[in-house]
Amino acid sequence: MRHSSVISRRVAAAAVSVVLASGAAACGPEDAGAKGGTSGKAAGAPQKGGTLTVLNNEAQSDFDPARLYTSGGGNVPSLVFRTLTTRNREAGAAGTQVVPDLATDTGRPNEDATEWTYTLKEGLKYEDGTAITSADIKYGIERSFAAELSGGAPYLRDWLVGGDTYQGPYKDKKGLASIVTPDARTIVFKLKKPEGEFPFVATQTQFAPVPKAKDTGAKYEEHPVSSGPYKVVKNDNDGEHLVLERNEHWDPKTDEERKAYPDRIDVKSGLDEAVINQRLATSSGADSAAVTTDTNLGPAELAQVGSDKALAARVGTGHFGFTNYIAFNPKVKPFDDPKVRQAISYAVNRTSVVNAAGGSALAEPATTFLPDQKAFGFTPYDHFPAGKTGDPEKAKQLLKEAGHPNGLTVTLLHSTAQNRATSPEIATAVQEALGKAGITVKLDGQEPNAFNEKRWSVKDAPGFFLSRWGADWPAGGPFLAPIFDGRQIVTNGSNYNHAQLNDPAVNKEIDEINKLTDLKAAAARWGALDKKIGEQALDVPLFHPVYKRLVGKDIKNVVISDWTGVLDISQVAVK
């Protein structure tokens, strides 16, 4: 999700996370088809008290705000770490908005958005009762630059003046001059260039305060000092078993976003996904008050759930900004010819691809690179209309015009991971559809690490492969820039600009949009840019995933936003 320098980390956010952790899922059971929602299926209004159990496959490792790669503050981390801004904890599209958290507002930019100023709320305290200051936020950010605390989001390294050479407070005790704290409640950030989306970045856990006197370096994750409604009382096996209890010094008057209903949060990880879903379905004992933040229902499980109305009522649906697509490398023949790329675009059968991804309950066909959400600037277009099942005749015509009257043979790189995204099932669906247009597709399945090394390489990338992308926050910037900004082509590391597009007009428009602090105006420009780039057939959007998750029978107040597509633990009640 890992969610260019901007992205090996970001895919984790998107795979996950991030966010997001595992990019995913659950929404109101009362309207499972909606893009967001809330659930109150268990009778009665939510009340404080009880223990919420979290059953996860992946451990909540690196529980240090400097090392976490999250957007919106994360999910479990957001219970312990507050940030300058955070996501709006509401269902659906309303949840894509940035709102204040520790700060009094979402930030005050100077005229060209190269400087952002924040003021902290009054009365903010850590779990030990000491005051949270702007210096603590500055120090928390500076820690994230230390090599021994790597793993967090890279934006500040790229954006802050001096960020590209700063090595963290353990080696450079002078600190970053581009973060200024004129008093205990004010913090100012000085950027290399205009960044209108800075309030989104301020939601990431690097912006959580860390008291310098309590910093224990790499061991800080064992007991980080809480600024949120819960504190860590147990962290076993690098986050495999995490227990949180109330932070008595957290003041809900300073925190409009987190409900913090349960008295205790018990996070148990390292569990098999099938076991997690079975335990949630059975809901016996403590599992009746359980949720998962990283395990989805698959096609077989959804079929089982569909025959049980009571169980179906506990399934939530989530949407996260994510696109699965075919990538082209125009440096490799025959993909240097736009007509060949267009022919493949016309030949694709999105119905068969969606079925390979698990069916319409788990995937929605895509013809745009940007996800179908207003926050991203989604602008409908379909430059090469293949219909629901492909247009092989149109594809054959284009191939003939390109000098391939008898068709051609190509190789498609895919992963062997059973992820229903870049996996053999998706590759086979593409192979069959293109075969009807006279394109013989040879499949090259590689194990995940080898697959990623090839598709992220400028030197070794093939001409034709499956890929996917997820946003670090719900806006067009982190979606389009890493994929199409020529200045983000990485020749000696992970490159996400698969097409190696370096169009001065595209680069300039990205810069112009980044200057905008009016996010609605920026969204419209991102949508227009997506549509314009789409004319070049540099990729073939296939589908946007849909996430389905189960909750225990006693869970109340399920809220899923379009920011994460994930049940928000900060809103859940068990009584």
Protein backbone atom coordinates (compact mmCIF):
# COMPACT_ATOMS: atom_id res chain seq x y z
CA MET A 1 0.00 0.00 0.00
CA ARG A 2 4.51 0.29 -0.55
CA HIS A 3 -0.78 3.16 -0.28
CA SER A 4 8.36 6.81 -7.62
CA SER A 5 9.65 7.57 -4.20
CA VAL A 6 6.06 8.20 -3.68
CA ILE A 7 5.02 4.71 -4.28
CA SER A 8 6.68 1.52 -3.34
CA ARG A 9 5.27 2.58 -0.05
CA ARG A 10 1.99 3.68 -1.53
CA VAL A 11 1.03 0.35 -2.97
CA ALA A 12 0.94 -0.90 0.56
CA ALA A 13 -1.38 1.83 1.40
CA ALA A 14 -3.46 0.76 -1.36
CA ALA A 15 -3.05 -2.85 -0.96
CA VAL A 16 -3.74 -1.97 2.16
CA SER A 17 -3.30 0.46 4.42
CA VAL A 18 -3.43 1.42 4.18
CA VAL A 19 -4.97 2.33 4.97
CA LEU A 20 -5.38 1.48 4.85
CA ALA A 21 -4.62 -1.33 5.25
CA SER A 22 -5.40 -3.70 2.70
CA GLY A 23 -7.32 -1.23 0.90
CA ALA A 24 -10.67 -2.26 1.82
CA ALA A 25 -13.96 -2.64 3.15
CA ALA A 26 -17.20 -2.70 4.92
CA CYS A 27 -20.15 -0.51 4.78
CA GLY A 28 -23.64 -0.23 5.89
CA PRO A 29 -25.40 -3.58 5.91
CA GLU A 30 -28.65 -1.71 5.53
CA ASP A 31 -27.60 -0.62 2.06
CA ALA A 32 -24.94 -2.99 0.91
CA GLY A 33 -24.97 -1.53 -2.57
CA ALA A 34 -24.21 1.98 -1.43
CA LYS A 35 -20.79 3.59 -1.64
CA GLY A 36 -20.75 4.10 2.10
CA GLY A 37 -23.06 3.73 5.02
CA THR A 38 -23.69 2.99 8.63
CA SER A 39 -25.07 0.02 10.43
CA GLY A 40 -27.24 -0.24 13.48
CA LYS A 41 -28.48 -3.77 13.01
CA ALA A 42 -27.93 -4.69 16.65
CA ALA A 43 -30.87 -3.20 18.56
CA GLY A 44 -30.46 0.02 20.53
CA ALA A 45 -28.24 3.06 20.32
CA PRO A 46 -24.47 2.59 20.66
CA GLN A 47 -23.18 2.92 24.21
CA LYS A 48 -19.78 3.18 25.86
CA GLY A 49 -18.16 0.10 27.34
CA GLY A 50 -17.15 -3.45 26.53
CA THR A 51 -14.28 -4.96 24.56
CA LEU A 52 -13.96 -4.79 20.79
CA THR A 53 -12.04 -7.72 19.29
CA VAL A 54 -10.20 -7.27 16.00
CA LEU A 55 -9.39 -10.44 14.05
CA ASN A 56 -6.71 -9.84 11.41
CA ASN A 57 -4.50 -11.75 9.03
CA GLU A 58 -1.61 -9.26 8.99
CA ALA A 59 0.07 -8.11 12.20
CA GLN A 60 -0.07 -4.42 13.10
CA SER A 61 3.73 -4.23 12.87
CA ASP A 62 5.91 -1.13 13.10
CA PHE A 63 3.50 0.55 15.51
CA ASP A 64 5.52 3.75 15.46
CA PRO A 65 4.00 6.87 13.86
CA ALA A 66 7.22 7.50 11.94
CA ARG A 67 7.17 4.06 10.31
CA LEU A 68 3.48 3.65 9.54
CA TYR A 69 2.34 4.32 5.99
CA THR A 70 -1.21 5.50 6.46
CA SER A 71 -3.67 7.96 5.05
CA GLY A 72 -6.29 9.76 7.11
CA GLY A 73 -4.48 8.65 10.25
CA GLY A 74 -4.95 4.95 9.63
CA ASN A 75 -7.44 2.68 11.38
CA VAL A 76 -6.07 1.01 14.51
CA PRO A 77 -3.21 3.57 14.63
CA SER A 78 -5.75 6.40 14.62
CA LEU A 79 -6.97 5.25 18.04
CA VAL A 80 -3.56 6.05 19.54
CA PHE A 81 -2.06 8.71 17.27
CA ARG A 82 -3.82 11.97 16.54
CA THR A 83 -2.53 14.10 13.67
CA LEU A 84 -2.83 17.74 12.60
CA THR A 85 -5.72 16.85 10.29
CA THR A 86 -7.67 13.64 9.74
CA ARG A 87 -10.39 12.16 7.59
CA ASN A 88 -13.99 13.07 8.21
CA ARG A 89 -15.43 10.07 10.09
CA GLU A 90 -18.63 9.85 8.07
CA ALA A 91 -20.01 7.30 5.65
CA GLY A 92 -19.67 7.47 1.88
CA ALA A 93 -18.50 10.53 -0.02
CA ALA A 94 -18.69 12.80 3.04
CA GLY A 95 -15.86 10.74 4.48
CA THR A 96 -13.43 11.85 1.76
CA GLN A 97 -13.12 15.31 3.29
CA VAL A 98 -10.17 16.51 5.36
CA VAL A 99 -11.09 17.90 8.78
CA PRO A 100 -9.09 19.32 11.72
CA ASP A 101 -7.77 16.94 14.38
CA LEU A 102 -5.10 18.37 16.68
CA ALA A 103 -5.25 21.61 14.71
CA THR A 104 -7.98 24.23 14.80
CA ASP A 105 -8.42 24.09 11.03
CA THR A 106 -7.10 22.23 7.98
CA GLY A 107 -4.24 24.67 7.50
CA ARG A 108 -3.70 28.22 6.31
CA PRO A 109 -1.64 28.55 3.12
CA ASN A 110 0.27 31.58 1.97
CA GLU A 111 -0.59 33.07 -1.42
CA ASP A 112 1.17 30.42 -3.52
CA ALA A 113 0.65 27.41 -1.20
CA THR A 114 4.38 27.04 -0.50
CA GLU A 115 3.86 27.70 3.21
CA TRP A 116 1.25 26.18 5.52
CA THR A 117 0.49 27.30 9.06
CA TYR A 118 -1.38 25.37 11.76
CA THR A 119 -2.53 26.29 15.26
CA LEU A 120 -3.07 23.56 17.85
CA LYS A 121 -6.27 23.34 19.86
CA GLU A 122 -6.08 24.21 23.54
CA GLY A 123 -6.09 21.52 26.21
CA LEU A 124 -4.40 18.73 24.23
CA LYS A 125 -2.67 16.16 26.45
CA TYR A 126 -0.72 12.91 26.22
CA GLU A 127 -1.63 9.77 28.18
CA ASP A 128 0.58 10.95 31.08
CA GLY A 129 -1.26 14.27 31.33
CA THR A 130 1.52 16.45 29.88
CA ALA A 131 0.65 19.04 27.26
CA ILE A 132 1.06 18.37 23.54
CA THR A 133 3.07 21.14 21.86
CA SER A 134 3.95 22.17 18.33
CA ALA A 135 7.57 21.21 19.07
CA ASP A 136 6.39 17.64 19.67
CA ILE A 137 4.80 17.52 16.21
CA LYS A 138 7.96 18.96 14.65
CA TYR A 139 10.04 16.32 16.46
CA GLY A 140 7.65 13.53 15.47
CA ILE A 141 8.00 14.51 11.81
CA GLU A 142 11.78 14.79 12.06
CA ARG A 143 11.99 11.25 13.49
CA SER A 144 10.40 9.94 10.28
CA PHE A 145 13.52 11.01 8.37
CA ALA A 146 15.78 8.71 10.42
CA ALA A 147 17.00 5.68 8.45
CA GLU A 148 16.28 3.35 11.36
CA LEU A 149 12.62 4.46 11.36
CA SER A 150 11.97 4.13 7.63
CA GLY A 151 8.72 2.96 6.08
CA GLY A 152 6.46 5.97 6.36
CA ALA A 153 5.09 8.18 3.59
CA PRO A 154 7.78 9.95 1.51
CA TYR A 155 5.99 13.21 0.76
CA LEU A 156 7.72 15.43 3.30
CA ARG A 157 11.12 14.24 2.13
CA ASP A 158 10.13 15.42 -1.34
CA TRP A 159 8.16 18.53 -0.38
CA LEU A 160 9.90 20.22 2.60
CA VAL A 161 12.78 22.57 1.96
CA GLY A 162 15.87 20.59 2.93
CA GLY A 163 13.91 17.38 3.28
CA ASP A 164 15.87 15.55 0.61
CA THR A 165 19.13 15.71 2.60
CA TYR A 166 17.90 15.69 6.22
CA GLN A 167 18.79 12.47 8.11
CA GLY A 168 16.65 12.79 11.22
CA PRO A 169 17.20 14.12 14.76
CA TYR A 170 19.51 11.33 15.90
CA LYS A 171 22.18 12.41 13.40
CA ASP A 172 21.22 16.07 12.93
CA LYS A 173 20.19 17.60 16.24
CA LYS A 174 19.61 21.03 14.67
CA GLY A 175 16.40 19.74 13.12
CA LEU A 176 14.64 20.80 9.94
CA ALA A 177 14.71 24.56 9.46
CA SER A 178 11.69 24.32 7.15
CA ILE A 179 9.46 23.37 10.10
CA VAL A 180 9.12 26.39 12.37
CA THR A 181 7.45 26.50 15.80
CA PRO A 182 7.26 30.17 16.89
CA ASP A 183 5.27 29.19 19.99
CA ALA A 184 3.84 26.10 21.70
CA ARG A 185 0.67 26.07 19.60
CA THR A 186 1.90 27.21 16.16
CA ILE A 187 3.71 25.21 13.50
CA VAL A 188 4.71 26.39 10.01
CA PHE A 189 5.83 24.24 7.06
CA LYS A 190 7.95 25.69 4.24
CA LEU A 191 7.72 23.77 0.96
CA LYS A 192 9.88 23.62 -2.17
CA LYS A 193 6.88 24.16 -4.43
CA PRO A 194 3.14 24.81 -4.23
CA GLU A 195 1.16 21.91 -2.74
CA GLY A 196 -2.55 22.58 -2.50
CA GLU A 197 -3.19 19.09 -1.14
CA PHE A 198 -0.95 19.57 1.92
CA PRO A 199 -3.92 19.16 4.32
CA PHE A 200 -4.23 15.55 3.06
CA VAL A 201 -0.59 14.85 3.85
CA ALA A 202 -1.10 16.28 7.35
CA THR A 203 -3.44 13.33 8.04
CA GLN A 204 -0.56 10.85 7.91
CA THR A 205 0.85 9.44 11.14
CA GLN A 206 4.18 11.24 10.68
CA PHE A 207 2.25 14.29 11.91
CA ALA A 208 1.51 12.64 15.28
CA PRO A 209 3.25 14.34 18.22
CA VAL A 210 6.13 12.53 19.92
CA PRO A 211 7.59 13.89 23.20
CA LYS A 212 11.37 13.97 22.70
CA ALA A 213 12.03 12.94 26.32
CA LYS A 214 10.02 9.73 25.83
CA ASP A 215 11.54 8.75 22.49
CA THR A 216 13.22 5.34 22.70
CA GLY A 217 14.13 5.10 19.02
CA ALA A 218 13.39 1.74 17.40
CA LYS A 219 11.79 0.53 20.65
CA TYR A 220 9.26 3.38 20.74
CA GLU A 221 6.68 1.18 18.98
CA GLU A 222 6.48 -1.08 22.04
CA HIS A 223 4.87 1.74 24.02
CA PRO A 224 4.30 4.88 21.97
CA VAL A 225 2.95 7.79 23.97
CA SER A 226 -0.73 8.20 23.13
CA SER A 227 -2.34 11.41 21.98
CA GLY A 228 -5.61 9.63 21.11
CA PRO A 229 -8.47 7.99 23.01
CA TYR A 230 -6.57 4.75 23.67
CA LYS A 231 -3.11 3.83 24.95
CA VAL A 232 -1.05 0.71 24.25
CA VAL A 233 -0.94 -1.67 27.23
CA LYS A 234 0.36 -4.72 25.34
CA ASN A 235 2.29 -5.21 22.10
CA ASP A 236 3.44 -8.80 21.62
CA ASN A 237 5.43 -10.23 18.71
CA ASP A 238 5.71 -6.98 16.75
CA GLY A 239 2.02 -6.17 16.70
CA GLU A 240 0.67 -9.71 16.47
CA HIS A 241 -1.28 -9.15 19.70
CA LEU A 242 -2.06 -5.55 20.50
CA VAL A 243 -4.20 -4.46 23.46
CA LEU A 244 -5.45 -0.89 23.84
CA GLU A 245 -7.21 0.63 26.84
CA ARG A 246 -8.65 4.08 27.49
CA ASN A 247 -6.38 7.09 27.71
CA GLU A 248 -7.91 8.93 30.64
CA HIS A 249 -6.32 12.21 29.56
CA TRP A 250 -7.95 12.20 26.12
CA ASP A 251 -10.59 14.92 26.08
CA PRO A 252 -13.46 14.27 23.64
CA LYS A 253 -14.14 18.02 23.66
CA THR A 254 -10.97 18.41 21.58
CA ASP A 255 -11.81 15.49 19.28
CA GLU A 256 -14.98 15.66 17.20
CA GLU A 257 -14.07 12.66 15.05
CA ARG A 258 -13.44 9.64 17.29
CA LYS A 259 -16.39 8.17 19.20
CA ALA A 260 -14.23 5.73 21.20
CA TYR A 261 -17.14 3.65 22.53
CA PRO A 262 -15.37 0.45 23.70
CA ASP A 263 -13.33 0.43 26.92
CA ARG A 264 -10.82 -1.98 25.43
CA ILE A 265 -9.57 -2.96 21.96
CA ASP A 266 -8.03 -6.44 21.56
CA VAL A 267 -6.25 -6.87 18.20
CA LYS A 268 -5.32 -10.47 17.35
CA SER A 269 -3.38 -11.10 14.14
CA GLY A 270 -1.65 -13.89 12.27
CA LEU A 271 -4.97 -15.66 11.65
CA ASP A 272 -5.94 -17.50 8.48
CA GLU A 273 -8.47 -15.49 6.45
CA ALA A 274 -10.90 -18.41 6.24
CA VAL A 275 -10.73 -18.77 10.02
CA ILE A 276 -11.40 -15.06 10.51
CA ASN A 277 -14.51 -15.15 8.34
CA GLN A 278 -15.75 -18.33 10.00
CA ARG A 279 -15.31 -16.87 13.48
CA LEU A 280 -17.13 -13.67 12.49
CA ALA A 281 -19.95 -15.70 10.94
CA THR A 282 -20.35 -17.93 13.99
CA SER A 283 -20.01 -14.95 16.38
CA SER A 284 -19.69 -17.00 19.53
CA GLY A 285 -18.32 -15.58 22.77
CA ALA A 286 -15.99 -12.61 22.29
CA ASP A 287 -16.29 -13.01 18.51
CA SER A 288 -19.83 -11.62 18.66
CA ALA A 289 -18.18 -8.24 19.29
CA ALA A 290 -15.48 -8.65 16.65
CA VAL A 291 -14.50 -7.02 13.35
CA THR A 292 -11.64 -7.33 10.89
CA THR A 293 -9.67 -4.54 9.27
CA ASP A 294 -7.89 -6.58 6.62
CA THR A 295 -9.90 -9.64 5.56
CA ASN A 296 -12.48 -9.64 2.78
CA LEU A 297 -15.12 -12.13 1.81
CA GLY A 298 -14.39 -14.07 -1.37
CA PRO A 299 -16.81 -15.35 -4.03
CA ALA A 300 -17.43 -18.70 -2.31
CA GLU A 301 -18.04 -17.08 1.05
CA LEU A 302 -20.39 -14.51 -0.48
CA ALA A 303 -22.42 -17.31 -2.05
CA GLN A 304 -22.77 -18.91 1.38
CA VAL A 305 -23.68 -15.62 3.03
CA GLY A 306 -26.28 -14.92 0.35
CA SER A 307 -28.41 -17.82 1.49
CA ASP A 308 -28.55 -16.58 5.09
CA LYS A 309 -30.47 -13.32 5.58
CA ALA A 310 -29.21 -12.78 9.12
CA LEU A 311 -25.62 -13.21 7.99
CA ALA A 312 -26.09 -11.09 4.89
CA ALA A 313 -27.31 -8.25 7.11
CA ARG A 314 -23.86 -8.22 8.72
CA VAL A 315 -21.95 -7.86 5.46
CA GLY A 316 -20.71 -4.39 4.60
CA THR A 317 -19.63 -2.99 1.25
CA GLY A 318 -16.73 -0.59 0.83
CA HIS A 319 -15.15 1.34 -2.02
CA PHE A 320 -11.55 2.55 -1.94
CA GLY A 321 -9.84 4.55 -4.68
CA PHE A 322 -8.20 1.75 -6.63
CA THR A 323 -7.86 0.78 -10.29
CA ASN A 324 -6.74 -2.53 -11.82
CA TYR A 325 -5.47 -2.14 -15.37
CA ILE A 326 -3.37 -3.38 -18.27
CA ALA A 327 -0.15 -1.39 -18.57
CA PHE A 328 1.78 -0.77 -21.78
CA ASN A 329 5.45 0.07 -22.16
CA PRO A 330 5.56 1.96 -25.50
CA LYS A 331 9.34 1.55 -25.57
CA VAL A 332 8.74 -2.11 -26.51
CA LYS A 333 7.38 -3.12 -29.92
CA PRO A 334 4.60 -3.49 -31.05
CA PHE A 335 3.24 -1.37 -28.19
CA ASP A 336 5.00 1.70 -29.57
CA ASP A 337 2.16 1.83 -32.12
CA PRO A 338 -0.94 3.60 -30.69
CA LYS A 339 -3.18 1.57 -33.01
CA VAL A 340 -1.97 -1.69 -31.44
CA ARG A 341 -2.72 -0.30 -27.98
CA GLN A 342 -6.13 0.88 -29.17
CA ALA A 343 -6.87 -2.53 -30.69
CA ILE A 344 -6.21 -4.20 -27.37
CA SER A 345 -8.41 -1.61 -25.65
CA TYR A 346 -11.29 -2.48 -27.98
CA ALA A 347 -10.74 -6.24 -27.67
CA VAL A 348 -10.94 -6.45 -23.87
CA ASN A 349 -14.01 -8.22 -22.45
CA ARG A 350 -14.66 -6.47 -19.15
CA THR A 351 -17.48 -8.83 -18.24
CA SER A 352 -15.12 -11.81 -18.26
CA VAL A 353 -12.50 -9.80 -16.37
CA VAL A 354 -15.03 -8.83 -13.70
CA ASN A 355 -16.09 -12.47 -13.40
CA ALA A 356 -12.44 -13.47 -12.99
CA ALA A 357 -12.12 -10.87 -10.23
CA GLY A 358 -14.94 -12.54 -8.29
CA GLY A 359 -18.04 -11.24 -10.02
CA SER A 360 -19.98 -8.00 -9.97
CA ALA A 361 -20.26 -8.07 -6.16
CA LEU A 362 -16.48 -7.69 -5.91
CA ALA A 363 -15.54 -5.68 -9.00
CA GLU A 364 -16.96 -2.86 -11.12
CA PRO A 365 -15.87 -2.41 -14.77
CA ALA A 366 -13.66 0.62 -15.42
CA THR A 367 -13.05 2.68 -18.53
CA THR A 368 -11.32 5.59 -16.73
CA PHE A 369 -8.06 5.54 -14.84
CA LEU A 370 -9.42 7.65 -11.99
CA PRO A 371 -11.82 5.79 -9.67
CA ASP A 372 -15.54 6.47 -9.88
CA GLN A 373 -15.60 8.96 -7.00
CA LYS A 374 -16.23 12.69 -7.03
CA ALA A 375 -13.31 13.39 -4.69
CA PHE A 376 -10.85 12.17 -7.30
CA GLY A 377 -12.39 14.34 -9.99
CA PHE A 378 -13.95 11.38 -11.77
CA THR A 379 -14.93 12.39 -15.29
CA PRO A 380 -16.67 9.68 -17.35
CA TYR A 381 -15.08 8.72 -20.64
CA ASP A 382 -14.67 5.65 -22.81
CA HIS A 383 -12.35 6.48 -25.69
CA PHE A 384 -12.29 2.94 -27.05
CA PRO A 385 -15.77 1.57 -26.35
CA ALA A 386 -15.57 -2.19 -26.19
CA GLY A 387 -19.02 -2.63 -24.72
CA LYS A 388 -19.55 -5.25 -22.05
CA THR A 389 -17.89 -8.10 -23.95
CA GLY A 390 -15.35 -6.48 -26.27
CA ASP A 391 -15.36 -5.41 -29.90
CA PRO A 392 -13.03 -7.86 -31.72
CA GLU A 393 -14.01 -6.61 -35.19
CA LYS A 394 -12.95 -3.06 -34.39
CA ALA A 395 -9.74 -4.44 -32.92
CA LYS A 396 -9.02 -6.45 -36.10
CA GLN A 397 -9.57 -3.34 -38.22
CA LEU A 398 -7.04 -1.36 -36.16
CA LEU A 399 -4.51 -4.19 -36.31
CA LYS A 400 -4.83 -4.24 -40.10
CA GLU A 401 -4.24 -0.49 -40.23
CA ALA A 402 -1.17 -1.04 -38.02
CA GLY A 403 0.24 -3.57 -40.49
CA HIS A 404 -0.87 -6.75 -38.76
CA PRO A 405 -3.64 -8.10 -41.06
CA ASN A 406 -3.05 -11.63 -39.78
CA GLY A 407 -3.00 -10.63 -36.12
CA LEU A 408 0.01 -10.75 -33.87
CA THR A 409 1.49 -12.61 -30.90
CA VAL A 410 2.33 -10.85 -27.60
CA THR A 411 3.34 -11.87 -24.08
CA LEU A 412 1.42 -10.72 -20.99
CA LEU A 413 3.27 -10.57 -17.65
CA HIS A 414 1.16 -11.35 -14.58
CA SER A 415 1.59 -12.45 -10.99
CA THR A 416 1.05 -15.98 -9.73
CA ALA A 417 -0.45 -14.60 -6.49
CA GLN A 418 -4.09 -15.56 -6.04
CA ASN A 419 -5.23 -11.98 -5.55
CA ARG A 420 -7.93 -11.72 -8.26
CA ALA A 421 -6.21 -8.53 -9.43
CA THR A 422 -2.95 -9.26 -11.24
CA SER A 423 -3.42 -13.04 -11.02
CA PRO A 424 -3.71 -15.91 -13.54
CA GLU A 425 -7.53 -15.65 -13.63
CA ILE A 426 -7.42 -12.05 -14.82
CA ALA A 427 -4.62 -12.79 -17.29
CA THR A 428 -6.56 -15.71 -18.75
CA ALA A 429 -9.67 -13.55 -19.22
CA VAL A 430 -7.58 -11.01 -21.15
CA GLN A 431 -5.96 -13.81 -23.18
CA GLU A 432 -9.31 -15.27 -24.25
CA ALA A 433 -10.80 -11.90 -25.23
CA LEU A 434 -7.79 -10.85 -27.30
CA GLY A 435 -7.73 -14.22 -29.00
CA LYS A 436 -11.09 -13.41 -30.61
CA ALA A 437 -9.46 -10.37 -32.20
CA GLY A 438 -6.59 -12.39 -33.67
CA ILE A 439 -4.12 -11.49 -30.91
CA THR A 440 -2.37 -14.56 -29.51
CA VAL A 441 -1.42 -13.90 -25.91
CA LYS A 442 1.31 -15.95 -24.25
CA LEU A 443 1.11 -15.78 -20.46
CA ASP A 444 4.21 -15.13 -18.37
CA GLY A 445 3.33 -15.82 -14.74
CA GLN A 446 5.94 -14.72 -12.18
CA GLU A 447 5.95 -15.07 -8.41
CA PRO A 448 5.01 -11.75 -6.73
CA ASN A 449 8.50 -10.41 -6.00
CA ALA A 450 9.81 -11.16 -9.48
CA PHE A 451 6.59 -9.80 -11.01
CA ASN A 452 6.92 -6.51 -9.13
CA GLU A 453 10.62 -6.16 -9.92
CA LYS A 454 9.86 -6.47 -13.64
CA ARG A 455 6.85 -4.18 -13.82
CA TRP A 456 8.54 -1.51 -11.68
CA SER A 457 11.75 -1.53 -13.70
CA VAL A 458 12.55 0.98 -16.43
CA LYS A 459 15.26 -1.28 -17.81
CA ASP A 460 13.51 -4.66 -17.72
CA ALA A 461 9.80 -3.83 -17.92
CA PRO A 462 8.01 -5.80 -20.65
CA GLY A 463 5.67 -4.14 -23.10
CA PHE A 464 2.44 -5.65 -21.80
CA PHE A 465 1.52 -6.51 -18.21
CA LEU A 466 -1.13 -6.34 -15.49
CA SER A 467 -0.84 -3.64 -12.84
CA ARG A 468 -2.88 -1.76 -10.25
CA TRP A 469 -2.86 1.50 -8.35
CA GLY A 470 -4.39 2.89 -5.18
CA ALA A 471 -4.39 6.44 -3.87
CA ASP A 472 -2.78 7.63 -0.64
CA TRP A 473 -5.71 10.00 -0.20
CA PRO A 474 -8.92 10.67 -2.11
CA ALA A 475 -7.74 13.17 -4.71
CA GLY A 476 -6.39 13.08 -8.24
CA GLY A 477 -2.84 14.07 -7.32
CA PRO A 478 -1.59 10.86 -5.71
CA PHE A 479 -3.39 8.90 -8.41
CA LEU A 480 -2.24 10.53 -11.64
CA ALA A 481 1.11 12.15 -10.81
CA PRO A 482 3.10 9.01 -9.93
CA ILE A 483 1.78 7.23 -13.04
CA PHE A 484 2.02 9.99 -15.66
CA ASP A 485 4.41 12.71 -14.41
CA GLY A 486 7.62 12.32 -16.43
CA ARG A 487 9.70 13.74 -13.58
CA GLN A 488 8.68 10.77 -11.44
CA ILE A 489 10.23 8.22 -13.78
CA VAL A 490 12.71 6.30 -11.62
CA THR A 491 15.56 4.69 -13.55
CA ASN A 492 17.38 3.06 -10.61
CA GLY A 493 14.51 2.00 -8.39
CA SER A 494 10.78 1.33 -8.37
CA ASN A 495 9.19 3.14 -11.31
CA TYR A 496 5.40 3.46 -11.48
CA ASN A 497 5.20 5.53 -14.65
CA HIS A 498 4.93 2.32 -16.68
CA ALA A 499 4.41 4.15 -19.97
CA GLN A 500 7.45 6.34 -19.20
CA LEU A 501 5.33 9.29 -20.28
CA ASN A 502 7.26 12.55 -20.10
CA ASP A 503 4.94 15.04 -21.75
CA PRO A 504 5.80 18.67 -20.90
CA ALA A 505 2.13 19.65 -21.20
CA VAL A 506 1.07 16.94 -18.74
CA ASN A 507 3.88 17.85 -16.34
CA LYS A 508 2.91 21.51 -16.49
CA GLU A 509 -0.76 20.79 -15.83
CA ILE A 510 0.16 18.70 -12.80
CA ASP A 511 2.14 21.65 -11.44
CA GLU A 512 -0.72 24.05 -12.11
CA ILE A 513 -3.26 21.84 -10.35
CA ASN A 514 -0.93 21.41 -7.36
CA LYS A 515 -1.07 25.17 -6.83
CA LEU A 516 -4.82 25.04 -6.21
CA THR A 517 -6.02 25.10 -2.61
CA ASP A 518 -9.63 24.90 -3.79
CA LEU A 519 -9.91 21.10 -3.80
CA LYS A 520 -13.14 21.07 -5.81
CA ALA A 521 -11.55 23.11 -8.56
CA ALA A 522 -8.49 20.85 -8.42
CA ALA A 523 -10.68 17.73 -8.71
CA ALA A 524 -12.27 19.04 -11.91
CA ARG A 525 -8.82 19.65 -13.40
CA TRP A 526 -7.60 16.16 -12.41
CA GLY A 527 -10.63 14.65 -14.13
CA ALA A 528 -10.01 16.62 -17.31
CA LEU A 529 -6.35 15.58 -17.27
CA ASP A 530 -7.30 11.92 -16.85
CA LYS A 531 -9.59 12.16 -19.86
CA LYS A 532 -6.89 13.85 -21.94
CA ILE A 533 -4.19 11.31 -21.06
CA GLY A 534 -6.66 8.49 -21.74
CA GLU A 535 -6.75 9.41 -25.42
CA GLN A 536 -3.20 8.05 -25.78
CA ALA A 537 -4.21 4.49 -24.82
CA LEU A 538 -1.27 4.14 -22.45
CA ASP A 539 -3.23 1.70 -20.34
CA VAL A 540 -6.49 -0.24 -20.37
CA PRO A 541 -8.53 0.29 -17.18
CA LEU A 542 -10.18 -3.01 -16.27
CA PHE A 543 -12.04 -2.73 -12.97
CA HIS A 544 -12.33 -1.06 -9.60
CA PRO A 545 -12.48 -3.52 -6.68
CA VAL A 546 -15.40 -3.66 -4.25
CA TYR A 547 -14.77 -4.86 -0.70
CA LYS A 548 -17.13 -7.06 1.27
CA ARG A 549 -16.59 -7.68 4.97
CA LEU A 550 -18.38 -9.36 7.80
CA VAL A 551 -18.83 -8.04 11.35
CA GLY A 552 -19.82 -9.82 14.56
CA LYS A 553 -23.50 -9.96 15.46
CA ASP A 554 -23.21 -7.48 18.36
CA ILE A 555 -21.33 -4.79 16.46
CA LYS A 556 -23.09 -1.42 16.21
CA ASN A 557 -22.45 1.83 14.37
CA VAL A 558 -20.47 0.59 11.39
CA VAL A 559 -19.25 3.58 9.40
CA ILE A 560 -17.39 3.19 6.11
CA SER A 561 -16.11 6.16 4.17
CA ASP A 562 -15.00 6.38 0.56
CA TRP A 563 -11.58 7.52 1.85
CA THR A 564 -10.60 4.05 3.06
CA GLY A 565 -13.46 1.72 2.18
CA VAL A 566 -12.78 0.21 5.61
CA LEU A 567 -14.91 -0.05 8.72
CA ASP A 568 -13.78 2.79 10.98
CA ILE A 569 -12.88 1.38 14.39
CA SER A 570 -13.14 4.80 15.99
CA GLN A 571 -16.91 4.75 15.39
CA VAL A 572 -17.72 1.13 16.39
CA ALA A 573 -19.66 0.21 19.54
CA VAL A 574 -20.17 -3.21 21.10
CA LYS A 575 -23.00 -2.35 23.49
